[in-house]
Amino acid sequence: MKEIIYEGIIFKEPDFIDDMKYQSKTRVAIKNGTLKKQPCEICGETEVFAHHEIYSDYLNVRWLCRSHHLRLHAIFRQLNPRVLIKT
């Protein structure tokens, strides 16, 4: 699993193993209050998305605004163009 430093924070390349199943579990956890959204780790924006590094650990997410989430995935796509990095 590749790691990069983006905006001074270390991120790991997502694994995408059963990603759809675990994204659904993350959404349920947010809805039922088990998982609470936090501001974007980089800019503090409150409109955020859950970024997974290990999808099976669906409660362990990084909170990123849309702009930073898309940029992070673009960076991983540049590092490993053979892998489709979903956003």
Protein backbone atom coordinates (compact mmCIF):
# COMPACT_ATOMS: atom_id res chain seq x y z
CA MET A 1 0.00 0.00 0.00
CA LYS A 2 1.57 3.28 -1.13
CA GLU A 3 1.75 6.26 1.19
CA ILE A 4 1.98 9.91 0.26
CA ILE A 5 2.21 13.14 2.17
CA TYR A 6 -0.50 15.51 1.01
CA GLU A 7 -0.86 18.93 2.63
CA GLY A 8 1.42 17.72 5.45
CA ILE A 9 -0.72 14.65 6.26
CA ILE A 10 0.18 11.02 5.50
CA PHE A 11 -2.39 9.11 3.44
CA LYS A 12 -2.35 5.48 2.30
CA GLU A 13 -3.60 4.33 -1.08
CA PRO A 14 -7.08 2.77 -0.68
CA ASP A 15 -7.35 -1.00 -1.06
CA PHE A 16 -10.80 -1.18 -2.80
CA ILE A 17 -11.46 -4.72 -1.56
CA ASP A 18 -15.26 -5.04 -1.36
CA ASP A 19 -15.40 -1.25 -1.39
CA MET A 20 -19.11 -0.96 -2.27
CA LYS A 21 -20.16 -3.24 0.59
CA TYR A 22 -18.14 -1.30 3.13
CA GLN A 23 -19.11 2.13 1.79
CA SER A 24 -22.69 1.11 2.43
CA LYS A 25 -21.83 0.08 6.00
CA THR A 26 -20.12 3.45 6.53
CA ARG A 27 -23.24 5.29 5.32
CA VAL A 28 -25.39 3.28 7.75
CA ALA A 29 -22.99 4.04 10.62
CA ILE A 30 -23.19 7.76 9.83
CA LYS A 31 -26.99 7.63 9.63
CA ASN A 32 -27.42 5.78 12.94
CA GLY A 33 -24.87 7.96 14.76
CA THR A 34 -22.19 5.31 15.28
CA LEU A 35 -19.84 7.36 13.11
CA LYS A 36 -19.85 11.14 13.33
CA LYS A 37 -18.62 13.39 10.56
CA GLN A 38 -15.68 15.62 11.40
CA PRO A 39 -14.37 18.66 9.51
CA CYS A 40 -11.97 18.15 6.60
CA GLU A 41 -8.55 17.20 7.99
CA ILE A 42 -6.89 19.67 5.64
CA CYS A 43 -9.03 22.81 5.47
CA GLY A 44 -11.70 22.46 8.16
CA GLU A 45 -14.65 22.46 5.72
CA THR A 46 -17.72 20.82 7.28
CA GLU A 47 -19.23 19.42 4.06
CA VAL A 48 -17.15 16.23 4.02
CA PHE A 49 -16.80 12.75 2.57
CA ALA A 50 -15.45 9.61 4.20
CA HIS A 51 -12.10 8.59 2.71
CA HIS A 52 -11.25 4.93 3.29
CA GLU A 53 -7.74 3.55 3.32
CA ILE A 54 -8.83 0.04 4.31
CA TYR A 55 -12.45 -0.50 3.29
CA SER A 56 -13.01 -3.48 5.57
CA ASP A 57 -12.25 -1.19 8.50
CA TYR A 58 -15.30 0.85 7.53
CA LEU A 59 -15.52 2.84 10.78
CA ASN A 60 -11.94 4.06 10.38
CA VAL A 61 -12.22 6.86 7.83
CA ARG A 62 -10.49 10.15 7.07
CA TRP A 63 -12.79 13.13 6.65
CA LEU A 64 -12.08 15.23 3.57
CA CYS A 65 -14.00 17.91 1.71
CA ARG A 66 -14.89 17.17 -1.90
CA SER A 67 -11.99 19.20 -3.29
CA HIS A 68 -9.32 17.53 -1.16
CA HIS A 69 -10.86 14.08 -1.60
CA LEU A 70 -10.83 14.40 -5.39
CA ARG A 71 -7.29 15.79 -5.37
CA LEU A 72 -6.01 12.96 -3.17
CA HIS A 73 -7.48 10.34 -5.50
CA ALA A 74 -6.00 12.17 -8.50
CA ILE A 75 -2.56 11.97 -6.89
CA PHE A 76 -2.90 8.21 -6.31
CA ARG A 77 -4.11 7.80 -9.91
CA GLN A 78 -0.94 9.57 -11.12
CA LEU A 79 1.26 7.32 -8.98
CA ASN A 80 -0.46 4.14 -10.12
CA PRO A 81 -2.26 4.73 -13.44
CA ARG A 82 -3.06 1.02 -13.88
CA VAL A 83 -5.38 1.08 -10.89
CA LEU A 84 -8.73 2.80 -11.16
CA ILE A 85 -8.98 5.03 -8.09
CA LYS A 86 -12.63 5.66 -7.39
CA THR A 87 -13.90 8.97 -6.03
